[in-house]
Amino acid sequence: MEPRVLKYFLAIAREQSISGDAESLHISQPTLSRQICDLL
């Protein structure tokens, strides 16, 4: 598991918004969603 993906997960948990977090993390929403799904 990459630390970067954990950072993404924590950002989503904190803000409770995938699309908003994707923008603030400078990645696309589908990319962020895919990486979170890969955690499961």
PDB file of N, CA and C in Angstrom:
ATOM      1  N   MET A   1       0.845  -1.170   0.000  1.00  0.00           N
ATOM      2  CA  MET A   1       0.000   0.000   0.000  1.00  0.00           C
ATOM      3  C   MET A   1       0.897   1.243   0.000  1.00  0.00           C
ATOM      4  N   GLU A   2       0.559   2.174  -0.833  1.00  0.00           N
ATOM      5  CA  GLU A   2       1.369   3.381  -0.955  1.00  0.00           C
ATOM      6  C   GLU A   2       0.906   4.461   0.024  1.00  0.00           C
ATOM      7  N   PRO A   3       1.850   5.148   0.633  1.00  0.00           N
ATOM      8  CA  PRO A   3       1.485   6.233   1.555  1.00  0.00           C
ATOM      9  C   PRO A   3       0.640   7.312   0.875  1.00  0.00           C
ATOM     10  N   ARG A   4       0.876   7.527  -0.407  1.00  0.00           N
ATOM     11  CA  ARG A   4       0.111   8.526  -1.154  1.00  0.00           C
ATOM     12  C   ARG A   4      -1.374   8.189  -1.135  1.00  0.00           C
ATOM     13  N   VAL A   5      -1.721   6.926  -1.307  1.00  0.00           N
ATOM     14  CA  VAL A   5      -3.126   6.513  -1.333  1.00  0.00           C
ATOM     15  C   VAL A   5      -3.748   6.675   0.055  1.00  0.00           C
ATOM     16  N   LEU A   6      -2.987   6.398   1.087  1.00  0.00           N
ATOM     17  CA  LEU A   6      -3.492   6.625   2.452  1.00  0.00           C
ATOM     18  C   LEU A   6      -3.752   8.105   2.693  1.00  0.00           C
ATOM     19  N   LYS A   7      -2.898   8.960   2.148  1.00  0.00           N
ATOM     20  CA  LYS A   7      -3.109  10.408   2.251  1.00  0.00           C
ATOM     21  C   LYS A   7      -4.428  10.785   1.586  1.00  0.00           C
ATOM     22  N   TYR A   8      -4.704  10.206   0.430  1.00  0.00           N
ATOM     23  CA  TYR A   8      -5.963  10.469  -0.275  1.00  0.00           C
ATOM     24  C   TYR A   8      -7.151  10.022   0.569  1.00  0.00           C
ATOM     25  N   PHE A   9      -7.053   8.831   1.142  1.00  0.00           N
ATOM     26  CA  PHE A   9      -8.132   8.288   1.957  1.00  0.00           C
ATOM     27  C   PHE A   9      -8.420   9.199   3.154  1.00  0.00           C
ATOM     28  N   LEU A  10      -7.363   9.646   3.821  1.00  0.00           N
ATOM     29  CA  LEU A  10      -7.545  10.520   4.979  1.00  0.00           C
ATOM     30  C   LEU A  10      -8.161  11.854   4.581  1.00  0.00           C
ATOM     31  N   ALA A  11      -7.779  12.365   3.421  1.00  0.00           N
ATOM     32  CA  ALA A  11      -8.358  13.631   2.954  1.00  0.00           C
ATOM     33  C   ALA A  11      -9.854  13.475   2.702  1.00  0.00           C
ATOM     34  N   ILE A  12     -10.246  12.363   2.104  1.00  0.00           N
ATOM     35  CA  ILE A  12     -11.672  12.113   1.835  1.00  0.00           C
ATOM     36  C   ILE A  12     -12.431  11.959   3.143  1.00  0.00           C
ATOM     37  N   ALA A  13     -11.866  11.226   4.087  1.00  0.00           N
ATOM     38  CA  ALA A  13     -12.533  11.024   5.371  1.00  0.00           C
ATOM     39  C   ALA A  13     -12.703  12.355   6.105  1.00  0.00           C
ATOM     40  N   ARG A  14     -11.721  13.202   6.002  1.00  0.00           N
ATOM     41  CA  ARG A  14     -11.763  14.495   6.699  1.00  0.00           C
ATOM     42  C   ARG A  14     -12.786  15.440   6.054  1.00  0.00           C
ATOM     43  N   GLU A  15     -12.780  15.523   4.746  1.00  0.00           N
ATOM     44  CA  GLU A  15     -13.644  16.469   4.042  1.00  0.00           C
ATOM     45  C   GLU A  15     -14.991  15.877   3.624  1.00  0.00           C
ATOM     46  N   GLN A  16     -15.079  14.554   3.553  1.00  0.00           N
ATOM     47  CA  GLN A  16     -16.292  13.827   3.159  1.00  0.00           C
ATOM     48  C   GLN A  16     -16.781  14.247   1.779  1.00  0.00           C
ATOM     49  N   SER A  17     -15.836  14.448   0.866  1.00  0.00           N
ATOM     50  CA  SER A  17     -16.177  14.840  -0.496  1.00  0.00           C
ATOM     51  C   SER A  17     -15.081  14.379  -1.451  1.00  0.00           C
ATOM     52  N   ILE A  18     -15.401  13.401  -2.276  1.00  0.00           N
ATOM     53  CA  ILE A  18     -14.405  12.888  -3.208  1.00  0.00           C
ATOM     54  C   ILE A  18     -14.082  13.927  -4.279  1.00  0.00           C
ATOM     55  N   SER A  19     -15.093  14.554  -4.841  1.00  0.00           N
ATOM     56  CA  SER A  19     -14.827  15.501  -5.927  1.00  0.00           C
ATOM     57  C   SER A  19     -14.065  16.729  -5.433  1.00  0.00           C
ATOM     58  N   GLY A  20     -14.417  17.234  -4.271  1.00  0.00           N
ATOM     59  CA  GLY A  20     -13.701  18.376  -3.713  1.00  0.00           C
ATOM     60  C   GLY A  20     -12.272  18.040  -3.353  1.00  0.00           C
ATOM     61  N   ASP A  21     -12.062  16.850  -2.809  1.00  0.00           N
ATOM     62  CA  ASP A  21     -10.713  16.428  -2.457  1.00  0.00           C
ATOM     63  C   ASP A  21      -9.874  16.166  -3.691  1.00  0.00           C
ATOM     64  N   ALA A  22     -10.473  15.634  -4.730  1.00  0.00           N
ATOM     65  CA  ALA A  22      -9.731  15.401  -5.969  1.00  0.00           C
ATOM     66  C   ALA A  22      -9.182  16.718  -6.497  1.00  0.00           C
ATOM     67  N   GLU A  23     -10.002  17.739  -6.448  1.00  0.00           N
ATOM     68  CA  GLU A  23      -9.558  19.053  -6.922  1.00  0.00           C
ATOM     69  C   GLU A  23      -8.423  19.593  -6.050  1.00  0.00           C
ATOM     70  N   SER A  24      -8.564  19.476  -4.743  1.00  0.00           N
ATOM     71  CA  SER A  24      -7.532  20.010  -3.854  1.00  0.00           C
ATOM     72  C   SER A  24      -6.238  19.189  -3.921  1.00  0.00           C
ATOM     73  N   LEU A  25      -6.350  17.903  -4.280  1.00  0.00           N
ATOM     74  CA  LEU A  25      -5.164  17.042  -4.409  1.00  0.00           C
ATOM     75  C   LEU A  25      -4.563  17.096  -5.817  1.00  0.00           C
ATOM     76  N   HIS A  26      -5.223  17.826  -6.717  1.00  0.00           N
ATOM     77  CA  HIS A  26      -4.769  18.003  -8.104  1.00  0.00           C
ATOM     78  C   HIS A  26      -4.733  16.694  -8.886  1.00  0.00           C
ATOM     79  N   ILE A  27      -5.770  15.871  -8.685  1.00  0.00           N
ATOM     80  CA  ILE A  27      -5.948  14.657  -9.481  1.00  0.00           C
ATOM     81  C   ILE A  27      -7.412  14.601  -9.902  1.00  0.00           C
ATOM     82  N   SER A  28      -7.701  13.758 -10.892  1.00  0.00           N
ATOM     83  CA  SER A  28      -9.090  13.670 -11.353  1.00  0.00           C
ATOM     84  C   SER A  28      -9.917  12.832 -10.377  1.00  0.00           C
ATOM     85  N   GLN A  29     -11.215  13.089 -10.364  1.00  0.00           N
ATOM     86  CA  GLN A  29     -12.116  12.366  -9.466  1.00  0.00           C
ATOM     87  C   GLN A  29     -12.150  10.869  -9.782  1.00  0.00           C
ATOM     88  N   PRO A  30     -12.205  10.449 -11.072  1.00  0.00           N
ATOM     89  CA  PRO A  30     -12.188   9.012 -11.336  1.00  0.00           C
ATOM     90  C   PRO A  30     -10.900   8.319 -10.863  1.00  0.00           C
ATOM     91  N   THR A  31      -9.780   9.009 -10.984  1.00  0.00           N
ATOM     92  CA  THR A  31      -8.513   8.445 -10.507  1.00  0.00           C
ATOM     93  C   THR A  31      -8.544   8.266  -9.001  1.00  0.00           C
ATOM     94  N   LEU A  32      -9.034   9.259  -8.300  1.00  0.00           N
ATOM     95  CA  LEU A  32      -9.121   9.171  -6.843  1.00  0.00           C
ATOM     96  C   LEU A  32     -10.067   8.055  -6.427  1.00  0.00           C
ATOM     97  N   SER A  33     -11.214   7.969  -7.069  1.00  0.00           N
ATOM     98  CA  SER A  33     -12.179   6.911  -6.747  1.00  0.00           C
ATOM     99  C   SER A  33     -11.582   5.522  -6.985  1.00  0.00           C
ATOM    100  N   ARG A  34     -10.874   5.364  -8.082  1.00  0.00           N
ATOM    101  CA  ARG A  34     -10.269   4.067  -8.413  1.00  0.00           C
ATOM    102  C   ARG A  34      -9.232   3.675  -7.362  1.00  0.00           C
ATOM    103  N   GLN A  35      -8.410   4.629  -6.946  1.00  0.00           N
ATOM    104  CA  GLN A  35      -7.388   4.322  -5.954  1.00  0.00           C
ATOM    105  C   GLN A  35      -8.004   3.978  -4.608  1.00  0.00           C
ATOM    106  N   ILE A  36      -9.100   4.618  -4.244  1.00  0.00           N
ATOM    107  CA  ILE A  36      -9.774   4.287  -2.999  1.00  0.00           C
ATOM    108  C   ILE A  36     -10.400   2.896  -3.087  1.00  0.00           C
ATOM    109  N   CYS A  37     -10.995   2.578  -4.232  1.00  0.00           N
ATOM    110  CA  CYS A  37     -11.564   1.233  -4.419  1.00  0.00           C
ATOM    111  C   CYS A  37     -10.497   0.157  -4.340  1.00  0.00           C
ATOM    112  N   ASP A  38      -9.303   0.459  -4.799  1.00  0.00           N
ATOM    113  CA  ASP A  38      -8.207  -0.498  -4.749  1.00  0.00           C
ATOM    114  C   ASP A  38      -7.766  -0.798  -3.306  1.00  0.00           C
ATOM    115  N   LEU A  39      -8.074   0.119  -2.390  1.00  0.00           N
ATOM    116  CA  LEU A  39      -7.742  -0.127  -0.991  1.00  0.00           C
ATOM    117  C   LEU A  39      -8.581  -1.268  -0.403  1.00  0.00           C
ATOM    118  N   LEU A  40      -9.786  -1.425  -0.938  1.00  0.00           N
ATOM    119  CA  LEU A  40     -10.701  -2.449  -0.421  1.00  0.00           C
ATOM    120  C   LEU A  40     -10.338  -3.746  -1.007  1.00  0.00           C
TER     121      LEU A  40
END
